[in-house]
Amino acid sequence: MAAEPDVKELLKNSPRNWGKWGPNDEVGSLNYLTPDVVVKAAANIKSGKVFTLQVKMANPEGDPVWPGRSGATRINVMDEGHYVAGKGPHFAGGAHYADDYMTFFLQGSTQYDALGHVWYDDQIWNGYDSKTTIGGLSKASILPIAEKGVVGRGVLLDMARFRGKECLDVAETFTHEDLLACAKKQGCDIQKRDILIVRTGWIAKFYKVTREEFYGNFVEPGLTHSDALVNWFHDMEIPNLVTDTIANEVTVDPVSGVVLPLHNALMRNLGVTLTEIAWLDDLAADCAADGQYTFMYAAAPLKVVNGTGAPVNPIVIK
């Protein structure tokens, strides 16, 4: 069996947006979300229903994370127990308080990737030297994305429901043509500069099965690489891809054998921001009930200086 190609060879024909927004750009295709795009997105608010898309953090049921990472740990450092033990601080008037802290991977919850998170050939987004990642991302970190914020017209593409499943299968793939077919069946369209929100049912599965089953044969379902798909994202000027999987794409490309090629084709080369581990089941159920699959989407990850990513609790308003 032939070895998988180098990602540089695989993506030799892929388009790039490097320099499109100047030599100092660090937010990439989010530049497509101009004020007029935001105003038009507001027209998709019909009922005022609000959905939040973050999974719970430090959940006693566990946090869905990429293999090798650990879920968030929350620790109380002050509570009523300190006062019972006579060790709580005294405040005039007698007020008591609780305090805690949390340790977690910045990409250990629903989160945005920084554009400098993944690369090849010694260059990250916009051609910055990969050495700028040493000790923290001095270029294309999560901070510029967090400072800009993400607001636009979102469209839910419920691939699991489209294929008549509660959850897509291990390693199940789909293409941009499948996304278009899904939108057509839902009675909506995908417009230029839409934020694509793709439901597979995968994150919901995490809470329904054992950890051994979830991670035992860990090849997530998702989009698979092709030149046609990358060109479609480029032509449609897609700013943001949001999914209910941990890595936004099928883990191992079934044709090339390359791991996560779309992280490089879309994020590194086109500047498409990737949002992972989104909770989409409640939103999907409501869209299926009222037939409205487009809405205003808004998100702002935490402003972590030099961070490779950051947690986020996106908001959908229908």
C-alpha atoms as a PDB file:
ATOM      1  CA  MET A   1       0.000   0.000   0.000  1.00  0.00           C
ATOM      2  CA  ALA A   2       1.390   3.405  -1.002  1.00  0.00           C
ATOM      3  CA  ALA A   3       2.276   5.854   1.732  1.00  0.00           C
ATOM      4  CA  GLU A   4       0.054   8.859   2.160  1.00  0.00           C
ATOM      5  CA  PRO A   5       1.226  11.963   0.281  1.00  0.00           C
ATOM      6  CA  ASP A   6       2.813  14.920   1.990  1.00  0.00           C
ATOM      7  CA  VAL A   7       0.157  17.555   2.691  1.00  0.00           C
ATOM      8  CA  LYS A   8       2.144  20.007   0.561  1.00  0.00           C
ATOM      9  CA  GLU A   9       1.742  17.708  -2.417  1.00  0.00           C
ATOM     10  CA  LEU A  10      -1.916  17.014  -1.649  1.00  0.00           C
ATOM     11  CA  LEU A  11      -2.739  20.726  -1.572  1.00  0.00           C
ATOM     12  CA  LYS A  12      -0.484  21.898  -4.397  1.00  0.00           C
ATOM     13  CA  ASN A  13      -3.504  23.077  -6.424  1.00  0.00           C
ATOM     14  CA  SER A  14      -5.420  24.609  -3.504  1.00  0.00           C
ATOM     15  CA  PRO A  15      -6.239  28.328  -3.646  1.00  0.00           C
ATOM     16  CA  ARG A  16      -4.894  30.742  -1.049  1.00  0.00           C
ATOM     17  CA  ASN A  17      -6.159  34.018   0.326  1.00  0.00           C
ATOM     18  CA  TRP A  18      -2.736  35.095   1.585  1.00  0.00           C
ATOM     19  CA  GLY A  19      -2.266  38.827   1.141  1.00  0.00           C
ATOM     20  CA  LYS A  20      -5.886  39.410   0.119  1.00  0.00           C
ATOM     21  CA  TRP A  21      -6.485  41.585   3.191  1.00  0.00           C
ATOM     22  CA  GLY A  22      -2.929  42.854   3.460  1.00  0.00           C
ATOM     23  CA  PRO A  23       0.351  41.455   4.804  1.00  0.00           C
ATOM     24  CA  ASN A  24      -0.649  41.887   8.464  1.00  0.00           C
ATOM     25  CA  ASP A  25      -4.036  40.164   8.412  1.00  0.00           C
ATOM     26  CA  GLU A  26      -4.767  37.679  11.205  1.00  0.00           C
ATOM     27  CA  VAL A  27      -8.535  37.030  10.858  1.00  0.00           C
ATOM     28  CA  GLY A  28      -8.700  35.729   7.300  1.00  0.00           C
ATOM     29  CA  SER A  29     -12.103  35.028   5.835  1.00  0.00           C
ATOM     30  CA  LEU A  30     -13.835  36.722   8.750  1.00  0.00           C
ATOM     31  CA  ASN A  31     -13.113  39.851   6.709  1.00  0.00           C
ATOM     32  CA  TYR A  32     -16.054  38.759   4.561  1.00  0.00           C
ATOM     33  CA  LEU A  33     -18.364  39.558   7.495  1.00  0.00           C
ATOM     34  CA  THR A  34     -18.674  43.224   6.640  1.00  0.00           C
ATOM     35  CA  PRO A  35     -21.244  45.568   8.260  1.00  0.00           C
ATOM     36  CA  ASP A  36     -23.681  45.065   5.371  1.00  0.00           C
ATOM     37  CA  VAL A  37     -23.457  41.293   5.825  1.00  0.00           C
ATOM     38  CA  VAL A  38     -24.261  41.714   9.528  1.00  0.00           C
ATOM     39  CA  VAL A  39     -27.244  43.956   8.806  1.00  0.00           C
ATOM     40  CA  LYS A  40     -28.620  41.470   6.282  1.00  0.00           C
ATOM     41  CA  ALA A  41     -28.148  38.645   8.792  1.00  0.00           C
ATOM     42  CA  ALA A  42     -30.432  40.444  11.242  1.00  0.00           C
ATOM     43  CA  ALA A  43     -33.277  40.058   8.743  1.00  0.00           C
ATOM     44  CA  ASN A  44     -33.252  36.331   9.546  1.00  0.00           C
ATOM     45  CA  ILE A  45     -34.522  37.003  13.061  1.00  0.00           C
ATOM     46  CA  LYS A  46     -38.221  36.073  12.931  1.00  0.00           C
ATOM     47  CA  SER A  47     -39.334  34.905  16.375  1.00  0.00           C
ATOM     48  CA  GLY A  48     -36.625  36.025  18.785  1.00  0.00           C
ATOM     49  CA  LYS A  49     -35.826  32.460  19.855  1.00  0.00           C
ATOM     50  CA  VAL A  50     -32.292  32.137  21.237  1.00  0.00           C
ATOM     51  CA  PHE A  51     -30.035  29.075  21.293  1.00  0.00           C
ATOM     52  CA  THR A  52     -26.580  28.741  22.800  1.00  0.00           C
ATOM     53  CA  LEU A  53     -24.201  26.242  21.222  1.00  0.00           C
ATOM     54  CA  GLN A  54     -21.521  25.526  23.834  1.00  0.00           C
ATOM     55  CA  VAL A  55     -21.245  22.149  25.517  1.00  0.00           C
ATOM     56  CA  LYS A  56     -21.055  22.169  29.303  1.00  0.00           C
ATOM     57  CA  MET A  57     -17.568  22.545  30.781  1.00  0.00           C
ATOM     58  CA  ALA A  58     -16.249  20.550  33.739  1.00  0.00           C
ATOM     59  CA  ASN A  59     -19.317  18.369  33.323  1.00  0.00           C
ATOM     60  CA  PRO A  60     -19.491  15.422  35.779  1.00  0.00           C
ATOM     61  CA  GLU A  61     -20.573  13.347  32.747  1.00  0.00           C
ATOM     62  CA  GLY A  62     -17.270  14.205  31.086  1.00  0.00           C
ATOM     63  CA  ASP A  63     -16.144  16.701  28.451  1.00  0.00           C
ATOM     64  CA  PRO A  64     -15.753  15.619  24.805  1.00  0.00           C
ATOM     65  CA  VAL A  65     -12.153  16.344  23.826  1.00  0.00           C
ATOM     66  CA  TRP A  66      -9.635  15.288  21.216  1.00  0.00           C
ATOM     67  CA  PRO A  67      -7.856  12.051  22.233  1.00  0.00           C
ATOM     68  CA  GLY A  68      -4.882  12.895  24.425  1.00  0.00           C
ATOM     69  CA  ARG A  69      -6.497  15.987  25.916  1.00  0.00           C
ATOM     70  CA  SER A  70      -8.341  15.995  29.209  1.00  0.00           C
ATOM     71  CA  GLY A  71     -11.601  17.637  30.140  1.00  0.00           C
ATOM     72  CA  ALA A  72     -11.846  20.731  32.302  1.00  0.00           C
ATOM     73  CA  THR A  73     -11.312  20.444  36.067  1.00  0.00           C
ATOM     74  CA  ARG A  74     -13.101  22.887  38.372  1.00  0.00           C
ATOM     75  CA  ILE A  75     -11.992  23.266  41.986  1.00  0.00           C
ATOM     76  CA  ASN A  76     -13.649  25.186  44.821  1.00  0.00           C
ATOM     77  CA  VAL A  77     -11.242  27.343  46.799  1.00  0.00           C
ATOM     78  CA  MET A  78     -13.843  29.039  48.985  1.00  0.00           C
ATOM     79  CA  ASP A  79     -17.329  27.970  50.079  1.00  0.00           C
ATOM     80  CA  GLU A  80     -19.518  27.633  53.168  1.00  0.00           C
ATOM     81  CA  GLY A  81     -17.288  24.848  54.459  1.00  0.00           C
ATOM     82  CA  HIS A  82     -14.600  27.416  55.216  1.00  0.00           C
ATOM     83  CA  TYR A  83     -17.051  29.369  57.366  1.00  0.00           C
ATOM     84  CA  VAL A  84     -18.258  26.230  59.135  1.00  0.00           C
ATOM     85  CA  ALA A  85     -14.607  25.495  59.961  1.00  0.00           C
ATOM     86  CA  GLY A  86     -14.076  29.058  61.165  1.00  0.00           C
ATOM     87  CA  LYS A  87     -11.617  29.774  58.328  1.00  0.00           C
ATOM     88  CA  GLY A  88     -13.704  32.026  56.105  1.00  0.00           C
ATOM     89  CA  PRO A  89     -12.700  35.685  55.766  1.00  0.00           C
ATOM     90  CA  HIS A  90     -14.769  38.158  57.761  1.00  0.00           C
ATOM     91  CA  PHE A  91     -16.571  40.993  55.972  1.00  0.00           C
ATOM     92  CA  ALA A  92     -18.364  43.812  57.711  1.00  0.00           C
ATOM     93  CA  GLY A  93     -22.044  42.911  57.587  1.00  0.00           C
ATOM     94  CA  GLY A  94     -21.379  39.159  57.576  1.00  0.00           C
ATOM     95  CA  ALA A  95     -21.441  38.305  53.845  1.00  0.00           C
ATOM     96  CA  HIS A  96     -20.085  34.876  52.833  1.00  0.00           C
ATOM     97  CA  TYR A  97     -18.927  33.932  49.328  1.00  0.00           C
ATOM     98  CA  ALA A  98     -17.812  31.048  47.144  1.00  0.00           C
ATOM     99  CA  ASP A  99     -14.886  31.053  44.726  1.00  0.00           C
ATOM    100  CA  ASP A 100     -13.358  28.523  42.363  1.00  0.00           C
ATOM    101  CA  TYR A 101     -10.928  28.096  39.490  1.00  0.00           C
ATOM    102  CA  MET A 102     -10.721  25.838  36.456  1.00  0.00           C
ATOM    103  CA  THR A 103      -7.924  24.244  34.438  1.00  0.00           C
ATOM    104  CA  PHE A 104      -8.606  23.191  30.869  1.00  0.00           C
ATOM    105  CA  PHE A 105      -7.255  22.890  27.368  1.00  0.00           C
ATOM    106  CA  LEU A 106      -8.129  26.033  25.419  1.00  0.00           C
ATOM    107  CA  GLN A 107      -9.508  23.665  22.787  1.00  0.00           C
ATOM    108  CA  GLY A 108     -11.154  21.404  25.338  1.00  0.00           C
ATOM    109  CA  SER A 109     -14.673  22.756  24.895  1.00  0.00           C
ATOM    110  CA  THR A 110     -16.726  24.372  22.159  1.00  0.00           C
ATOM    111  CA  GLN A 111     -14.017  26.585  20.697  1.00  0.00           C
ATOM    112  CA  TYR A 112     -12.542  28.571  17.854  1.00  0.00           C
ATOM    113  CA  ASP A 113      -9.198  27.614  16.354  1.00  0.00           C
ATOM    114  CA  ALA A 114      -6.695  30.393  15.824  1.00  0.00           C
ATOM    115  CA  LEU A 115      -5.670  30.636  12.174  1.00  0.00           C
ATOM    116  CA  GLY A 116      -2.118  29.761  13.206  1.00  0.00           C
ATOM    117  CA  HIS A 117      -3.182  26.530  14.918  1.00  0.00           C
ATOM    118  CA  VAL A 118      -2.206  24.118  12.100  1.00  0.00           C
ATOM    119  CA  TRP A 119       0.291  24.477   9.248  1.00  0.00           C
ATOM    120  CA  TYR A 120       2.736  22.802   6.893  1.00  0.00           C
ATOM    121  CA  ASP A 121       5.851  23.786   4.949  1.00  0.00           C
ATOM    122  CA  ASP A 122       7.055  26.134   7.735  1.00  0.00           C
ATOM    123  CA  GLN A 123       4.317  28.730   7.151  1.00  0.00           C
ATOM    124  CA  ILE A 124       1.041  29.442   8.909  1.00  0.00           C
ATOM    125  CA  TRP A 125      -1.887  31.586   7.714  1.00  0.00           C
ATOM    126  CA  ASN A 126      -0.978  34.542   5.493  1.00  0.00           C
ATOM    127  CA  GLY A 127       2.571  33.274   5.040  1.00  0.00           C
ATOM    128  CA  TYR A 128       3.785  34.015   8.557  1.00  0.00           C
ATOM    129  CA  ASP A 129       6.817  31.963   9.582  1.00  0.00           C
ATOM    130  CA  SER A 130       5.882  28.928  11.676  1.00  0.00           C
ATOM    131  CA  LYS A 131       8.560  29.982  14.165  1.00  0.00           C
ATOM    132  CA  THR A 132       6.117  32.699  15.258  1.00  0.00           C
ATOM    133  CA  THR A 133       4.258  29.895  17.086  1.00  0.00           C
ATOM    134  CA  ILE A 134       7.175  29.163  19.435  1.00  0.00           C
ATOM    135  CA  GLY A 135       6.189  29.862  23.030  1.00  0.00           C
ATOM    136  CA  GLY A 136       2.794  31.150  21.921  1.00  0.00           C
ATOM    137  CA  LEU A 137       1.309  32.465  18.685  1.00  0.00           C
ATOM    138  CA  SER A 138       2.700  35.957  18.110  1.00  0.00           C
ATOM    139  CA  LYS A 139       0.905  35.946  14.728  1.00  0.00           C
ATOM    140  CA  ALA A 140      -2.554  34.639  13.797  1.00  0.00           C
ATOM    141  CA  SER A 141      -3.467  33.799  17.393  1.00  0.00           C
ATOM    142  CA  ILE A 142      -7.016  33.622  18.699  1.00  0.00           C
ATOM    143  CA  LEU A 143      -6.845  37.195  20.022  1.00  0.00           C
ATOM    144  CA  PRO A 144      -7.554  39.037  16.733  1.00  0.00           C
ATOM    145  CA  ILE A 145     -10.567  36.775  16.113  1.00  0.00           C
ATOM    146  CA  ALA A 146     -11.805  37.370  19.663  1.00  0.00           C
ATOM    147  CA  GLU A 147     -11.409  41.120  19.292  1.00  0.00           C
ATOM    148  CA  LYS A 148     -13.237  41.191  15.964  1.00  0.00           C
ATOM    149  CA  GLY A 149     -16.131  38.899  16.922  1.00  0.00           C
ATOM    150  CA  VAL A 150     -18.088  36.768  14.473  1.00  0.00           C
ATOM    151  CA  VAL A 151     -21.563  37.851  13.369  1.00  0.00           C
ATOM    152  CA  GLY A 152     -23.374  36.819  10.211  1.00  0.00           C
ATOM    153  CA  ARG A 153     -26.079  34.752   8.592  1.00  0.00           C
ATOM    154  CA  GLY A 154     -25.879  31.191   9.813  1.00  0.00           C
ATOM    155  CA  VAL A 155     -27.401  28.207   8.064  1.00  0.00           C
ATOM    156  CA  LEU A 156     -27.882  24.857   9.782  1.00  0.00           C
ATOM    157  CA  LEU A 157     -27.171  21.843   7.587  1.00  0.00           C
ATOM    158  CA  ASP A 158     -28.521  18.852   9.477  1.00  0.00           C
ATOM    159  CA  MET A 159     -26.643  16.036   7.761  1.00  0.00           C
ATOM    160  CA  ALA A 160     -27.706  13.452  10.331  1.00  0.00           C
ATOM    161  CA  ARG A 161     -31.415  14.154   9.809  1.00  0.00           C
ATOM    162  CA  PHE A 162     -30.864  14.467   6.048  1.00  0.00           C
ATOM    163  CA  ARG A 163     -29.522  10.918   6.007  1.00  0.00           C
ATOM    164  CA  GLY A 164     -32.201   9.638   8.350  1.00  0.00           C
ATOM    165  CA  LYS A 165     -29.856   8.965  11.249  1.00  0.00           C
ATOM    166  CA  GLU A 166     -29.543   9.981  14.871  1.00  0.00           C
ATOM    167  CA  CYS A 167     -25.787  10.195  14.351  1.00  0.00           C
ATOM    168  CA  LEU A 168     -23.564   9.707  11.342  1.00  0.00           C
ATOM    169  CA  ASP A 169     -21.410   6.598  11.406  1.00  0.00           C
ATOM    170  CA  VAL A 170     -17.737   6.337  12.284  1.00  0.00           C
ATOM    171  CA  ALA A 171     -15.704   7.689   9.330  1.00  0.00           C
ATOM    172  CA  GLU A 172     -18.843   8.611   7.366  1.00  0.00           C
ATOM    173  CA  THR A 173     -18.109  11.371   4.900  1.00  0.00           C
ATOM    174  CA  PHE A 174     -19.960  14.008   2.946  1.00  0.00           C
ATOM    175  CA  THR A 175     -19.043  16.690   0.428  1.00  0.00           C
ATOM    176  CA  HIS A 176     -20.091  20.244  -0.391  1.00  0.00           C
ATOM    177  CA  GLU A 177     -22.527  18.739  -2.885  1.00  0.00           C
ATOM    178  CA  ASP A 178     -24.145  16.855   0.006  1.00  0.00           C
ATOM    179  CA  LEU A 179     -24.391  20.133   1.913  1.00  0.00           C
ATOM    180  CA  LEU A 180     -26.175  21.711  -1.052  1.00  0.00           C
ATOM    181  CA  ALA A 181     -28.546  18.739  -1.321  1.00  0.00           C
ATOM    182  CA  CYS A 182     -29.247  18.930   2.406  1.00  0.00           C
ATOM    183  CA  ALA A 183     -30.041  22.643   2.175  1.00  0.00           C
ATOM    184  CA  LYS A 184     -32.381  22.017  -0.760  1.00  0.00           C
ATOM    185  CA  LYS A 185     -34.282  19.343   1.139  1.00  0.00           C
ATOM    186  CA  GLN A 186     -34.567  21.663   4.139  1.00  0.00           C
ATOM    187  CA  GLY A 187     -36.052  24.351   1.903  1.00  0.00           C
ATOM    188  CA  CYS A 188     -33.218  26.841   2.349  1.00  0.00           C
ATOM    189  CA  ASP A 189     -30.209  27.907   0.352  1.00  0.00           C
ATOM    190  CA  ILE A 190     -26.532  28.487   1.021  1.00  0.00           C
ATOM    191  CA  GLN A 191     -25.550  32.028   0.148  1.00  0.00           C
ATOM    192  CA  LYS A 192     -22.174  33.637  -0.279  1.00  0.00           C
ATOM    193  CA  ARG A 193     -20.527  34.512   3.036  1.00  0.00           C
ATOM    194  CA  ASP A 194     -22.845  32.268   5.072  1.00  0.00           C
ATOM    195  CA  ILE A 195     -21.579  30.742   8.294  1.00  0.00           C
ATOM    196  CA  LEU A 196     -22.027  26.993   7.805  1.00  0.00           C
ATOM    197  CA  ILE A 197     -23.247  25.032  10.830  1.00  0.00           C
ATOM    198  CA  VAL A 198     -23.149  21.300  10.183  1.00  0.00           C
ATOM    199  CA  ARG A 199     -24.793  18.746  12.475  1.00  0.00           C
ATOM    200  CA  THR A 200     -23.628  15.132  12.453  1.00  0.00           C
ATOM    201  CA  GLY A 201     -24.967  14.033  15.867  1.00  0.00           C
ATOM    202  CA  TRP A 202     -21.423  13.101  16.934  1.00  0.00           C
ATOM    203  CA  ILE A 203     -21.062  15.239  20.061  1.00  0.00           C
ATOM    204  CA  ALA A 204     -24.519  14.188  21.277  1.00  0.00           C
ATOM    205  CA  LYS A 205     -23.337  10.581  20.928  1.00  0.00           C
ATOM    206  CA  PHE A 206     -20.580  11.285  23.466  1.00  0.00           C
ATOM    207  CA  TYR A 207     -23.227  11.627  26.192  1.00  0.00           C
ATOM    208  CA  LYS A 208     -25.103   8.467  25.151  1.00  0.00           C
ATOM    209  CA  VAL A 209     -22.383   5.816  24.932  1.00  0.00           C
ATOM    210  CA  THR A 210     -19.417   4.655  27.007  1.00  0.00           C
ATOM    211  CA  ARG A 211     -16.088   6.414  26.633  1.00  0.00           C
ATOM    212  CA  GLU A 212     -14.670   3.126  25.338  1.00  0.00           C
ATOM    213  CA  GLU A 213     -17.215   3.063  22.520  1.00  0.00           C
ATOM    214  CA  PHE A 214     -16.840   6.746  21.671  1.00  0.00           C
ATOM    215  CA  TYR A 215     -13.039   6.693  21.500  1.00  0.00           C
ATOM    216  CA  GLY A 216     -12.531   3.012  20.621  1.00  0.00           C
ATOM    217  CA  ASN A 217     -12.530   3.481  16.843  1.00  0.00           C
ATOM    218  CA  PHE A 218     -11.998   7.202  16.708  1.00  0.00           C
ATOM    219  CA  VAL A 219     -12.503   8.356  13.148  1.00  0.00           C
ATOM    220  CA  GLU A 220     -15.043  11.152  13.236  1.00  0.00           C
ATOM    221  CA  PRO A 221     -17.559  11.678  10.451  1.00  0.00           C
ATOM    222  CA  GLY A 222     -17.260  14.852   8.425  1.00  0.00           C
ATOM    223  CA  LEU A 223     -16.333  16.661   5.265  1.00  0.00           C
ATOM    224  CA  THR A 224     -13.638  15.039   3.179  1.00  0.00           C
ATOM    225  CA  HIS A 225     -11.019  16.809   1.111  1.00  0.00           C
ATOM    226  CA  SER A 226     -11.247  17.410  -2.610  1.00  0.00           C
ATOM    227  CA  ASP A 227     -10.063  20.195  -4.865  1.00  0.00           C
ATOM    228  CA  ALA A 228     -13.705  20.819  -5.795  1.00  0.00           C
ATOM    229  CA  LEU A 229     -14.739  21.261  -2.164  1.00  0.00           C
ATOM    230  CA  VAL A 230     -11.890  23.666  -1.397  1.00  0.00           C
ATOM    231  CA  ASN A 231     -12.660  25.686  -4.525  1.00  0.00           C
ATOM    232  CA  TRP A 232     -16.327  25.827  -3.517  1.00  0.00           C
ATOM    233  CA  PHE A 233     -15.428  27.235  -0.072  1.00  0.00           C
ATOM    234  CA  HIS A 234     -13.191  29.740  -1.834  1.00  0.00           C
ATOM    235  CA  ASP A 235     -15.790  30.798  -4.397  1.00  0.00           C
ATOM    236  CA  MET A 236     -18.561  31.022  -1.776  1.00  0.00           C
ATOM    237  CA  GLU A 237     -16.329  33.123   0.484  1.00  0.00           C
ATOM    238  CA  ILE A 238     -17.301  31.032   3.514  1.00  0.00           C
ATOM    239  CA  PRO A 239     -15.980  32.768   6.654  1.00  0.00           C
ATOM    240  CA  ASN A 240     -16.633  30.136   9.325  1.00  0.00           C
ATOM    241  CA  LEU A 241     -17.339  26.400   9.536  1.00  0.00           C
ATOM    242  CA  VAL A 242     -19.064  25.216  12.725  1.00  0.00           C
ATOM    243  CA  THR A 243     -19.651  21.517  13.467  1.00  0.00           C
ATOM    244  CA  ASP A 244     -20.631  19.177  16.281  1.00  0.00           C
ATOM    245  CA  THR A 245     -17.423  17.194  15.911  1.00  0.00           C
ATOM    246  CA  ILE A 246     -14.082  17.632  17.617  1.00  0.00           C
ATOM    247  CA  ALA A 247     -12.111  18.359  14.435  1.00  0.00           C
ATOM    248  CA  ASN A 248     -14.588  19.704  11.833  1.00  0.00           C
ATOM    249  CA  GLU A 249     -13.685  17.075   9.213  1.00  0.00           C
ATOM    250  CA  VAL A 250     -13.359  13.326   8.841  1.00  0.00           C
ATOM    251  CA  THR A 251     -10.319  12.465  10.975  1.00  0.00           C
ATOM    252  CA  VAL A 252      -8.442  10.562   8.274  1.00  0.00           C
ATOM    253  CA  ASP A 253      -9.098  11.375   4.631  1.00  0.00           C
ATOM    254  CA  PRO A 254     -10.325   8.108   3.104  1.00  0.00           C
ATOM    255  CA  VAL A 255      -8.681   8.729  -0.272  1.00  0.00           C
ATOM    256  CA  SER A 256      -5.269  10.165   0.601  1.00  0.00           C
ATOM    257  CA  GLY A 257      -4.843   8.827   4.134  1.00  0.00           C
ATOM    258  CA  VAL A 258      -3.795  12.292   5.299  1.00  0.00           C
ATOM    259  CA  VAL A 259      -4.969  13.349   8.766  1.00  0.00           C
ATOM    260  CA  LEU A 260      -7.089  16.533   8.873  1.00  0.00           C
ATOM    261  CA  PRO A 261      -6.145  17.975   5.459  1.00  0.00           C
ATOM    262  CA  LEU A 262      -8.972  20.544   5.538  1.00  0.00           C
ATOM    263  CA  HIS A 263      -7.405  22.255   8.528  1.00  0.00           C
ATOM    264  CA  ASN A 264      -4.658  23.248   6.143  1.00  0.00           C
ATOM    265  CA  ALA A 265      -6.683  23.674   2.944  1.00  0.00           C
ATOM    266  CA  LEU A 266      -9.392  25.801   4.561  1.00  0.00           C
ATOM    267  CA  MET A 267      -7.854  27.376   7.640  1.00  0.00           C
ATOM    268  CA  ARG A 268      -4.180  27.775   6.785  1.00  0.00           C
ATOM    269  CA  ASN A 269      -4.667  28.573   3.089  1.00  0.00           C
ATOM    270  CA  LEU A 270      -8.066  30.303   2.877  1.00  0.00           C
ATOM    271  CA  GLY A 271      -8.343  31.732   6.386  1.00  0.00           C
ATOM    272  CA  VAL A 272     -11.657  29.974   7.123  1.00  0.00           C
ATOM    273  CA  THR A 273     -12.192  29.920  10.885  1.00  0.00           C
ATOM    274  CA  LEU A 274     -13.074  26.547  12.368  1.00  0.00           C
ATOM    275  CA  THR A 275     -15.436  26.141  15.315  1.00  0.00           C
ATOM    276  CA  GLU A 276     -15.540  22.709  16.907  1.00  0.00           C
ATOM    277  CA  ILE A 277     -17.484  20.722  19.520  1.00  0.00           C
ATOM    278  CA  ALA A 278     -20.689  22.734  19.063  1.00  0.00           C
ATOM    279  CA  TRP A 279     -23.928  21.569  20.695  1.00  0.00           C
ATOM    280  CA  LEU A 280     -26.464  21.533  17.868  1.00  0.00           C
ATOM    281  CA  ASP A 281     -29.207  19.077  18.846  1.00  0.00           C
ATOM    282  CA  ASP A 282     -31.567  21.606  20.446  1.00  0.00           C
ATOM    283  CA  LEU A 283     -31.193  24.022  17.548  1.00  0.00           C
ATOM    284  CA  ALA A 284     -31.679  21.219  15.031  1.00  0.00           C
ATOM    285  CA  ALA A 285     -34.868  20.001  16.697  1.00  0.00           C
ATOM    286  CA  ASP A 286     -36.307  23.500  16.611  1.00  0.00           C
ATOM    287  CA  CYS A 287     -35.339  24.027  12.962  1.00  0.00           C
ATOM    288  CA  ALA A 288     -37.007  20.745  12.031  1.00  0.00           C
ATOM    289  CA  ALA A 289     -40.142  21.808  13.905  1.00  0.00           C
ATOM    290  CA  ASP A 290     -40.548  25.300  12.427  1.00  0.00           C
ATOM    291  CA  GLY A 291     -38.774  24.825   9.099  1.00  0.00           C
ATOM    292  CA  GLN A 292     -36.452  27.812   9.619  1.00  0.00           C
ATOM    293  CA  TYR A 293     -32.831  26.824   9.064  1.00  0.00           C
ATOM    294  CA  THR A 294     -31.298  30.302   8.690  1.00  0.00           C
ATOM    295  CA  PHE A 295     -30.710  32.788  11.483  1.00  0.00           C
ATOM    296  CA  MET A 296     -28.320  35.332  12.930  1.00  0.00           C
ATOM    297  CA  TYR A 297     -25.190  33.742  14.379  1.00  0.00           C
ATOM    298  CA  ALA A 298     -22.913  35.568  16.824  1.00  0.00           C
ATOM    299  CA  ALA A 299     -19.808  34.415  18.649  1.00  0.00           C
ATOM    300  CA  ALA A 300     -16.736  35.805  20.373  1.00  0.00           C
ATOM    301  CA  PRO A 301     -14.099  33.453  21.800  1.00  0.00           C
ATOM    302  CA  LEU A 302     -12.188  34.437  24.933  1.00  0.00           C
ATOM    303  CA  LYS A 303      -9.457  37.034  24.419  1.00  0.00           C
ATOM    304  CA  VAL A 304      -6.476  34.801  25.152  1.00  0.00           C
ATOM    305  CA  VAL A 305      -3.192  36.504  24.264  1.00  0.00           C
ATOM    306  CA  ASN A 306      -1.012  34.291  22.004  1.00  0.00           C
ATOM    307  CA  GLY A 307      -3.565  31.457  22.278  1.00  0.00           C
ATOM    308  CA  THR A 308      -3.971  28.667  19.724  1.00  0.00           C
ATOM    309  CA  GLY A 309      -7.723  28.709  20.332  1.00  0.00           C
ATOM    310  CA  ALA A 310     -10.278  29.628  22.970  1.00  0.00           C
ATOM    311  CA  PRO A 311     -13.630  28.478  24.360  1.00  0.00           C
ATOM    312  CA  VAL A 312     -16.783  30.106  23.039  1.00  0.00           C
ATOM    313  CA  ASN A 313     -20.518  30.004  23.665  1.00  0.00           C
ATOM    314  CA  PRO A 314     -22.015  30.929  20.267  1.00  0.00           C
ATOM    315  CA  ILE A 315     -25.503  32.429  20.145  1.00  0.00           C
ATOM    316  CA  VAL A 316     -28.110  31.760  17.469  1.00  0.00           C
ATOM    317  CA  ILE A 317     -31.123  34.075  17.184  1.00  0.00           C
ATOM    318  CA  LYS A 318     -34.030  32.894  15.014  1.00  0.00           C
END
